[in-house]
Amino acid sequence: IGALTQITDPENPGNPPKEFTFDFS
């Protein structure tokens, strides 16, 4: 989403995703 990259844990899809911000995603 914009510069934000979210990674969801496939083993725990109900957990909030890890979020990382880059100059460009």
PDB file of all heavy atoms in Angstrom:
ATOM      1  N   ILE A   1       0.875  -1.167   0.000  1.00  0.00           N
ATOM      2  CA  ILE A   1       0.000   0.000   0.000  1.00  0.00           C
ATOM      3  C   ILE A   1       0.912   1.217   0.000  1.00  0.00           C
ATOM      4  O   ILE A   1       1.539   1.524   1.018  1.00  0.00           O
ATOM      5  CB  ILE A   1      -0.917   0.001   1.244  1.00  0.00           C
ATOM      6  CG1 ILE A   1      -1.700  -1.310   1.322  1.00  0.00           C
ATOM      7  CG2 ILE A   1      -1.828   1.216   1.231  1.00  0.00           C
ATOM      8  CD1 ILE A   1      -2.244  -1.621   2.690  1.00  0.00           C
ATOM      9  N   GLY A   2       1.038   1.858  -1.156  1.00  0.00           N
ATOM     10  CA  GLY A   2       1.993   2.961  -1.262  1.00  0.00           C
ATOM     11  C   GLY A   2       3.398   2.458  -0.987  1.00  0.00           C
ATOM     12  O   GLY A   2       3.835   1.470  -1.556  1.00  0.00           O
ATOM     13  N   ALA A   3       4.108   3.118  -0.073  1.00  0.00           N
ATOM     14  CA  ALA A   3       5.470   2.729   0.274  1.00  0.00           C
ATOM     15  C   ALA A   3       5.511   1.632   1.340  1.00  0.00           C
ATOM     16  O   ALA A   3       6.571   1.131   1.683  1.00  0.00           O
ATOM     17  CB  ALA A   3       6.250   3.950   0.763  1.00  0.00           C
ATOM     18  N   LEU A   4       4.355   1.237   1.847  1.00  0.00           N
ATOM     19  CA  LEU A   4       4.249   0.247   2.917  1.00  0.00           C
ATOM     20  C   LEU A   4       4.145  -1.161   2.344  1.00  0.00           C
ATOM     21  O   LEU A   4       3.351  -1.419   1.438  1.00  0.00           O
ATOM     22  CB  LEU A   4       3.011   0.537   3.771  1.00  0.00           C
ATOM     23  CG  LEU A   4       2.746  -0.421   4.936  1.00  0.00           C
ATOM     24  CD1 LEU A   4       3.791  -0.215   6.020  1.00  0.00           C
ATOM     25  CD2 LEU A   4       1.350  -0.197   5.471  1.00  0.00           C
ATOM     26  N   THR A   5       4.959  -2.072   2.885  1.00  0.00           N
ATOM     27  CA  THR A   5       4.892  -3.486   2.531  1.00  0.00           C
ATOM     28  C   THR A   5       4.474  -4.255   3.773  1.00  0.00           C
ATOM     29  O   THR A   5       5.067  -4.086   4.839  1.00  0.00           O
ATOM     30  CB  THR A   5       6.257  -4.002   2.030  1.00  0.00           C
ATOM     31  OG1 THR A   5       6.587  -3.307   0.829  1.00  0.00           O
ATOM     32  CG2 THR A   5       6.223  -5.490   1.752  1.00  0.00           C
ATOM     33  N   GLN A   6       3.443  -5.082   3.634  1.00  0.00           N
ATOM     34  CA  GLN A   6       2.945  -5.893   4.738  1.00  0.00           C
ATOM     35  C   GLN A   6       3.186  -7.366   4.431  1.00  0.00           C
ATOM     36  O   GLN A   6       2.954  -7.815   3.316  1.00  0.00           O
ATOM     37  CB  GLN A   6       1.447  -5.678   4.935  1.00  0.00           C
ATOM     38  CG  GLN A   6       1.092  -4.274   5.336  1.00  0.00           C
ATOM     39  CD  GLN A   6      -0.406  -4.091   5.492  1.00  0.00           C
ATOM     40  OE1 GLN A   6      -1.196  -4.642   4.731  1.00  0.00           O
ATOM     41  NE2 GLN A   6      -0.795  -3.311   6.492  1.00  0.00           N
ATOM     42  N   ILE A   7       3.642  -8.098   5.455  1.00  0.00           N
ATOM     43  CA  ILE A   7       3.882  -9.530   5.322  1.00  0.00           C
ATOM     44  C   ILE A   7       3.055 -10.244   6.381  1.00  0.00           C
ATOM     45  O   ILE A   7       3.199  -9.985   7.574  1.00  0.00           O
ATOM     46  CB  ILE A   7       5.375  -9.880   5.498  1.00  0.00           C
ATOM     47  CG1 ILE A   7       6.219  -9.093   4.497  1.00  0.00           C
ATOM     48  CG2 ILE A   7       5.586 -11.382   5.348  1.00  0.00           C
ATOM     49  CD1 ILE A   7       7.709  -9.269   4.686  1.00  0.00           C
ATOM     50  N   THR A   8       2.184 -11.147   5.922  1.00  0.00           N
ATOM     51  CA  THR A   8       1.331 -11.924   6.812  1.00  0.00           C
ATOM     52  C   THR A   8       1.975 -13.283   7.052  1.00  0.00           C
ATOM     53  O   THR A   8       2.457 -13.923   6.113  1.00  0.00           O
ATOM     54  CB  THR A   8      -0.062 -12.120   6.178  1.00  0.00           C
ATOM     55  OG1 THR A   8      -0.611 -10.834   5.909  1.00  0.00           O
ATOM     56  CG2 THR A   8      -0.981 -12.884   7.088  1.00  0.00           C
ATOM     57  N   ASP A   9       1.970 -13.736   8.278  1.00  0.00           N
ATOM     58  CA  ASP A   9       2.490 -15.049   8.635  1.00  0.00           C
ATOM     59  C   ASP A   9       1.475 -16.096   8.173  1.00  0.00           C
ATOM     60  O   ASP A   9       0.354 -16.134   8.682  1.00  0.00           O
ATOM     61  CB  ASP A   9       2.692 -15.128  10.144  1.00  0.00           C
ATOM     62  CG  ASP A   9       3.227 -16.469  10.612  1.00  0.00           C
ATOM     63  OD1 ASP A   9       3.342 -17.416   9.800  1.00  0.00           O
ATOM     64  OD2 ASP A   9       3.526 -16.577  11.820  1.00  0.00           O
ATOM     65  N   PRO A  10       1.829 -16.953   7.202  1.00  0.00           N
ATOM     66  CA  PRO A  10       0.853 -17.932   6.695  1.00  0.00           C
ATOM     67  C   PRO A  10       0.427 -18.945   7.757  1.00  0.00           C
ATOM     68  O   PRO A  10      -0.648 -19.530   7.664  1.00  0.00           O
ATOM     69  CB  PRO A  10       1.583 -18.604   5.532  1.00  0.00           C
ATOM     70  CG  PRO A  10       3.025 -18.366   5.786  1.00  0.00           C
ATOM     71  CD  PRO A  10       3.126 -17.080   6.553  1.00  0.00           C
ATOM     72  N   GLU A  11       1.250 -19.156   8.782  1.00  0.00           N
ATOM     73  CA  GLU A  11       0.904 -20.083   9.854  1.00  0.00           C
ATOM     74  C   GLU A  11      -0.058 -19.451  10.861  1.00  0.00           C
ATOM     75  O   GLU A  11      -0.727 -20.151  11.609  1.00  0.00           O
ATOM     76  CB  GLU A  11       2.177 -20.553  10.578  1.00  0.00           C
ATOM     77  CG  GLU A  11       3.179 -21.250   9.675  1.00  0.00           C
ATOM     78  CD  GLU A  11       2.629 -22.533   9.063  1.00  0.00           C
ATOM     79  OE1 GLU A  11       1.935 -23.280   9.782  1.00  0.00           O
ATOM     80  OE2 GLU A  11       2.890 -22.779   7.872  1.00  0.00           O
ATOM     81  N   ASN A  12      -0.079 -18.119  10.899  1.00  0.00           N
ATOM     82  CA  ASN A  12      -0.931 -17.378  11.838  1.00  0.00           C
ATOM     83  C   ASN A  12      -1.602 -16.219  11.117  1.00  0.00           C
ATOM     84  O   ASN A  12      -1.306 -15.053  11.402  1.00  0.00           O
ATOM     85  CB  ASN A  12      -0.098 -16.865  13.020  1.00  0.00           C
ATOM     86  CG  ASN A  12       0.522 -17.994  13.802  1.00  0.00           C
ATOM     87  OD1 ASN A  12      -0.171 -18.783  14.414  1.00  0.00           O
ATOM     88  ND2 ASN A  12       1.848 -18.069  13.760  1.00  0.00           N
ATOM     89  N   PRO A  13      -2.496 -16.503  10.163  1.00  0.00           N
ATOM     90  CA  PRO A  13      -3.075 -15.433   9.352  1.00  0.00           C
ATOM     91  C   PRO A  13      -3.934 -14.440  10.136  1.00  0.00           C
ATOM     92  O   PRO A  13      -4.186 -13.334   9.663  1.00  0.00           O
ATOM     93  CB  PRO A  13      -3.916 -16.179   8.308  1.00  0.00           C
ATOM     94  CG  PRO A  13      -4.162 -17.528   8.899  1.00  0.00           C
ATOM     95  CD  PRO A  13      -2.999 -17.815   9.804  1.00  0.00           C
ATOM     96  N   GLY A  14      -4.345 -14.790  11.350  1.00  0.00           N
ATOM     97  CA  GLY A  14      -5.136 -13.874  12.166  1.00  0.00           C
ATOM     98  C   GLY A  14      -4.296 -12.816  12.867  1.00  0.00           C
ATOM     99  O   GLY A  14      -4.820 -11.812  13.358  1.00  0.00           O
ATOM    100  N   ASN A  15      -2.992 -13.051  12.938  1.00  0.00           N
ATOM    101  CA  ASN A  15      -2.100 -12.072  13.572  1.00  0.00           C
ATOM    102  C   ASN A  15      -1.926 -10.857  12.671  1.00  0.00           C
ATOM    103  O   ASN A  15      -1.999 -10.972  11.442  1.00  0.00           O
ATOM    104  CB  ASN A  15      -0.726 -12.685  13.841  1.00  0.00           C
ATOM    105  CG  ASN A  15      -0.748 -13.695  14.968  1.00  0.00           C
ATOM    106  OD1 ASN A  15      -1.754 -13.856  15.659  1.00  0.00           O
ATOM    107  ND2 ASN A  15       0.357 -14.382  15.148  1.00  0.00           N
ATOM    108  N   PRO A  16      -1.679  -9.695  13.251  1.00  0.00           N
ATOM    109  CA  PRO A  16      -1.441  -8.518  12.406  1.00  0.00           C
ATOM    110  C   PRO A  16      -0.195  -8.726  11.544  1.00  0.00           C
ATOM    111  O   PRO A  16       0.765  -9.368  11.989  1.00  0.00           O
ATOM    112  CB  PRO A  16      -1.230  -7.382  13.395  1.00  0.00           C
ATOM    113  CG  PRO A  16      -1.297  -7.951  14.761  1.00  0.00           C
ATOM    114  CD  PRO A  16      -1.586  -9.410  14.668  1.00  0.00           C
ATOM    115  N   PRO A  17      -0.197  -8.199  10.332  1.00  0.00           N
ATOM    116  CA  PRO A  17       0.987  -8.370   9.467  1.00  0.00           C
ATOM    117  C   PRO A  17       2.167  -7.548   9.980  1.00  0.00           C
ATOM    118  O   PRO A  17       1.991  -6.540  10.665  1.00  0.00           O
ATOM    119  CB  PRO A  17       0.503  -7.845   8.118  1.00  0.00           C
ATOM    120  CG  PRO A  17      -0.614  -6.924   8.436  1.00  0.00           C
ATOM    121  CD  PRO A  17      -1.254  -7.435   9.688  1.00  0.00           C
ATOM    122  N   LYS A  18       3.351  -8.007   9.627  1.00  0.00           N
ATOM    123  CA  LYS A  18       4.563  -7.214   9.862  1.00  0.00           C
ATOM    124  C   LYS A  18       4.566  -6.120   8.815  1.00  0.00           C
ATOM    125  O   LYS A  18       4.221  -6.359   7.655  1.00  0.00           O
ATOM    126  CB  LYS A  18       5.833  -8.069   9.724  1.00  0.00           C
ATOM    127  CG  LYS A  18       5.910  -9.224  10.681  1.00  0.00           C
ATOM    128  CD  LYS A  18       6.212  -8.751  12.066  1.00  0.00           C
ATOM    129  CE  LYS A  18       6.399  -9.965  12.984  1.00  0.00           C
ATOM    130  NZ  LYS A  18       6.558  -9.591  14.357  1.00  0.00           N
ATOM    131  N   GLU A  19       4.965  -4.926   9.201  1.00  0.00           N
ATOM    132  CA  GLU A  19       4.939  -3.797   8.266  1.00  0.00           C
ATOM    133  C   GLU A  19       6.322  -3.187   8.127  1.00  0.00           C
ATOM    134  O   GLU A  19       7.035  -3.008   9.111  1.00  0.00           O
ATOM    135  CB  GLU A  19       3.945  -2.735   8.746  1.00  0.00           C
ATOM    136  CG  GLU A  19       2.526  -3.241   8.766  1.00  0.00           C
ATOM    137  CD  GLU A  19       1.508  -2.166   9.118  1.00  0.00           C
ATOM    138  OE1 GLU A  19       1.885  -1.161   9.750  1.00  0.00           O
ATOM    139  OE2 GLU A  19       0.340  -2.340   8.735  1.00  0.00           O
ATOM    140  N   PHE A  20       6.666  -2.885   6.886  1.00  0.00           N
ATOM    141  CA  PHE A  20       7.948  -2.279   6.548  1.00  0.00           C
ATOM    142  C   PHE A  20       7.693  -1.138   5.572  1.00  0.00           C
ATOM    143  O   PHE A  20       6.880  -1.285   4.662  1.00  0.00           O
ATOM    144  CB  PHE A  20       8.883  -3.315   5.900  1.00  0.00           C
ATOM    145  CG  PHE A  20       9.120  -4.515   6.764  1.00  0.00           C
ATOM    146  CD1 PHE A  20       8.287  -5.624   6.671  1.00  0.00           C
ATOM    147  CD2 PHE A  20      10.158  -4.538   7.667  1.00  0.00           C
ATOM    148  CE1 PHE A  20       8.482  -6.735   7.467  1.00  0.00           C
ATOM    149  CE2 PHE A  20      10.374  -5.652   8.476  1.00  0.00           C
ATOM    150  CZ  PHE A  20       9.530  -6.755   8.373  1.00  0.00           C
ATOM    151  N   THR A  21       8.392  -0.048   5.753  1.00  0.00           N
ATOM    152  CA  THR A  21       8.241   1.086   4.847  1.00  0.00           C
ATOM    153  C   THR A  21       9.541   1.286   4.079  1.00  0.00           C
ATOM    154  O   THR A  21      10.624   1.292   4.671  1.00  0.00           O
ATOM    155  CB  THR A  21       7.890   2.372   5.624  1.00  0.00           C
ATOM    156  OG1 THR A  21       6.685   2.138   6.351  1.00  0.00           O
ATOM    157  CG2 THR A  21       7.672   3.533   4.678  1.00  0.00           C
ATOM    158  N   PHE A  22       9.411   1.424   2.772  1.00  0.00           N
ATOM    159  CA  PHE A  22      10.536   1.669   1.879  1.00  0.00           C
ATOM    160  C   PHE A  22      10.271   2.965   1.134  1.00  0.00           C
ATOM    161  O   PHE A  22       9.176   3.518   1.194  1.00  0.00           O
ATOM    162  CB  PHE A  22      10.683   0.503   0.881  1.00  0.00           C
ATOM    163  CG  PHE A  22      10.921  -0.821   1.544  1.00  0.00           C
ATOM    164  CD1 PHE A  22       9.852  -1.644   1.881  1.00  0.00           C
ATOM    165  CD2 PHE A  22      12.202  -1.257   1.824  1.00  0.00           C
ATOM    166  CE1 PHE A  22      10.052  -2.870   2.496  1.00  0.00           C
ATOM    167  CE2 PHE A  22      12.423  -2.482   2.439  1.00  0.00           C
ATOM    168  CZ  PHE A  22      11.341  -3.292   2.778  1.00  0.00           C
ATOM    169  N   ASP A  23      11.253   3.437   0.402  1.00  0.00           N
ATOM    170  CA  ASP A  23      11.000   4.593  -0.459  1.00  0.00           C
ATOM    171  C   ASP A  23       9.945   4.248  -1.501  1.00  0.00           C
ATOM    172  O   ASP A  23       9.086   5.065  -1.817  1.00  0.00           O
ATOM    173  CB  ASP A  23      12.297   5.061  -1.141  1.00  0.00           C
ATOM    174  CG  ASP A  23      13.291   5.610  -0.142  1.00  0.00           C
ATOM    175  OD1 ASP A  23      12.987   6.635   0.494  1.00  0.00           O
ATOM    176  OD2 ASP A  23      14.372   4.993   0.013  1.00  0.00           O
ATOM    177  N   PHE A  24      10.020   3.017  -2.007  1.00  0.00           N
ATOM    178  CA  PHE A  24       9.064   2.540  -3.002  1.00  0.00           C
ATOM    179  C   PHE A  24       8.745   1.074  -2.735  1.00  0.00           C
ATOM    180  O   PHE A  24       9.654   0.280  -2.512  1.00  0.00           O
ATOM    181  CB  PHE A  24       9.617   2.667  -4.429  1.00  0.00           C
ATOM    182  CG  PHE A  24      10.016   4.054  -4.805  1.00  0.00           C
ATOM    183  CD1 PHE A  24      11.338   4.466  -4.717  1.00  0.00           C
ATOM    184  CD2 PHE A  24       9.068   4.971  -5.250  1.00  0.00           C
ATOM    185  CE1 PHE A  24      11.709   5.742  -5.067  1.00  0.00           C
ATOM    186  CE2 PHE A  24       9.428   6.252  -5.591  1.00  0.00           C
ATOM    187  CZ  PHE A  24      10.752   6.646  -5.496  1.00  0.00           C
ATOM    188  N   SER A  25       7.490   0.723  -2.736  1.00  0.00           N
ATOM    189  CA  SER A  25       7.044  -0.669  -2.682  1.00  0.00           C
ATOM    190  C   SER A  25       6.253  -0.911  -3.955  1.00  0.00           C
ATOM    191  O   SER A  25       5.181  -0.332  -4.142  1.00  0.00           O
ATOM    192  CB  SER A  25       6.154  -0.907  -1.455  1.00  0.00           C
ATOM    193  OG  SER A  25       6.905  -0.851  -0.266  1.00  0.00           O
TER     194      SER A  25
END
